[in-house]
Amino acid sequence: MKQVSLGLNLSTKKTRKREFLEQMNKVVPWDVLVGVVDPHWPKSKTGRPPFAIETMLRIHYL
């Protein structure tokens, strides 16, 4: 069991990074973007699996 799952929110400080990421989640329609990119995303049958689409979109948008 991870400590995060205990329901303890010990970090209450609002950092600039956290505020930016919260605003980004409000503004960017991630579900729509994932739907657009999904047909073109590589489907690996062998070897190392590709990263998740949403993860890579978030990295590129940052």
C-alpha atoms as a PDB file:
ATOM      1  CA  MET A   1       0.000   0.000   0.000  1.00  0.00           C
ATOM      2  CA  LYS A   2       1.347   3.384  -0.945  1.00  0.00           C
ATOM      3  CA  GLN A   3       1.171   6.376   1.349  1.00  0.00           C
ATOM      4  CA  VAL A   4      -0.714   8.327  -1.287  1.00  0.00           C
ATOM      5  CA  SER A   5      -3.602   5.885  -0.961  1.00  0.00           C
ATOM      6  CA  LEU A   6      -3.962   6.613   2.766  1.00  0.00           C
ATOM      7  CA  GLY A   7      -5.720   9.871   1.991  1.00  0.00           C
ATOM      8  CA  LEU A   8      -3.087  12.044   3.641  1.00  0.00           C
ATOM      9  CA  ASN A   9      -2.436  15.243   1.752  1.00  0.00           C
ATOM     10  CA  LEU A  10       0.713  16.448   3.480  1.00  0.00           C
ATOM     11  CA  SER A  11       1.835  18.881   0.786  1.00  0.00           C
ATOM     12  CA  THR A  12      -0.543  21.815   0.897  1.00  0.00           C
ATOM     13  CA  LYS A  13       1.858  24.359  -0.554  1.00  0.00           C
ATOM     14  CA  LYS A  14       0.680  25.713  -3.902  1.00  0.00           C
ATOM     15  CA  THR A  15       3.777  25.914  -6.096  1.00  0.00           C
ATOM     16  CA  ARG A  16       4.011  27.666  -9.449  1.00  0.00           C
ATOM     17  CA  LYS A  17       4.544  24.316 -11.139  1.00  0.00           C
ATOM     18  CA  ARG A  18       1.423  22.836  -9.550  1.00  0.00           C
ATOM     19  CA  GLU A  19      -0.647  25.896 -10.497  1.00  0.00           C
ATOM     20  CA  PHE A  20       0.618  25.715 -14.086  1.00  0.00           C
ATOM     21  CA  LEU A  21      -0.224  22.009 -14.402  1.00  0.00           C
ATOM     22  CA  GLU A  22      -3.700  22.575 -12.955  1.00  0.00           C
ATOM     23  CA  GLN A  23      -4.345  25.369 -15.461  1.00  0.00           C
ATOM     24  CA  MET A  24      -3.046  23.165 -18.259  1.00  0.00           C
ATOM     25  CA  ASN A  25      -5.490  20.402 -17.281  1.00  0.00           C
ATOM     26  CA  LYS A  26      -8.358  22.904 -17.385  1.00  0.00           C
ATOM     27  CA  VAL A  27      -7.430  24.424 -20.753  1.00  0.00           C
ATOM     28  CA  VAL A  28      -6.155  21.533 -22.894  1.00  0.00           C
ATOM     29  CA  PRO A  29      -8.733  18.933 -24.062  1.00  0.00           C
ATOM     30  CA  TRP A  30      -6.560  15.835 -23.531  1.00  0.00           C
ATOM     31  CA  ASP A  31      -9.278  13.327 -24.504  1.00  0.00           C
ATOM     32  CA  VAL A  32      -9.820  15.009 -27.872  1.00  0.00           C
ATOM     33  CA  LEU A  33      -6.086  15.180 -28.620  1.00  0.00           C
ATOM     34  CA  VAL A  34      -5.576  11.531 -27.705  1.00  0.00           C
ATOM     35  CA  GLY A  35      -8.428  10.599 -30.067  1.00  0.00           C
ATOM     36  CA  VAL A  36      -6.792  12.522 -32.920  1.00  0.00           C
ATOM     37  CA  VAL A  37      -3.330  11.007 -32.403  1.00  0.00           C
ATOM     38  CA  ASP A  38      -4.410   7.437 -31.579  1.00  0.00           C
ATOM     39  CA  PRO A  39      -4.894   6.205 -35.191  1.00  0.00           C
ATOM     40  CA  HIS A  40      -1.348   7.309 -36.049  1.00  0.00           C
ATOM     41  CA  TRP A  41       0.345   6.095 -32.855  1.00  0.00           C
ATOM     42  CA  PRO A  42       2.684   3.104 -33.381  1.00  0.00           C
ATOM     43  CA  LYS A  43       1.374  -0.231 -32.180  1.00  0.00           C
ATOM     44  CA  SER A  44       4.325  -2.348 -31.079  1.00  0.00           C
ATOM     45  CA  LYS A  45       3.948  -6.112 -31.399  1.00  0.00           C
ATOM     46  CA  THR A  46       7.502  -6.968 -30.390  1.00  0.00           C
ATOM     47  CA  GLY A  47      10.178  -5.157 -28.456  1.00  0.00           C
ATOM     48  CA  ARG A  48       9.739  -2.376 -25.983  1.00  0.00           C
ATOM     49  CA  PRO A  49       6.183  -0.987 -25.814  1.00  0.00           C
ATOM     50  CA  PRO A  50       5.744   2.677 -26.766  1.00  0.00           C
ATOM     51  CA  PHE A  51       4.915   5.309 -24.164  1.00  0.00           C
ATOM     52  CA  ALA A  52       1.286   6.196 -23.535  1.00  0.00           C
ATOM     53  CA  ILE A  53      -0.138   8.760 -25.949  1.00  0.00           C
ATOM     54  CA  GLU A  54      -1.315  11.139 -23.246  1.00  0.00           C
ATOM     55  CA  THR A  55       2.068  11.061 -21.526  1.00  0.00           C
ATOM     56  CA  MET A  56       3.893  11.978 -24.708  1.00  0.00           C
ATOM     57  CA  LEU A  57       1.378  14.728 -25.567  1.00  0.00           C
ATOM     58  CA  ARG A  58       1.812  16.275 -22.143  1.00  0.00           C
ATOM     59  CA  ILE A  59       5.605  16.209 -22.510  1.00  0.00           C
ATOM     60  CA  HIS A  60       5.458  17.837 -25.930  1.00  0.00           C
ATOM     61  CA  TYR A  61       3.011  20.514 -24.793  1.00  0.00           C
ATOM     62  CA  LEU A  62       5.217  21.427 -21.842  1.00  0.00           C
END
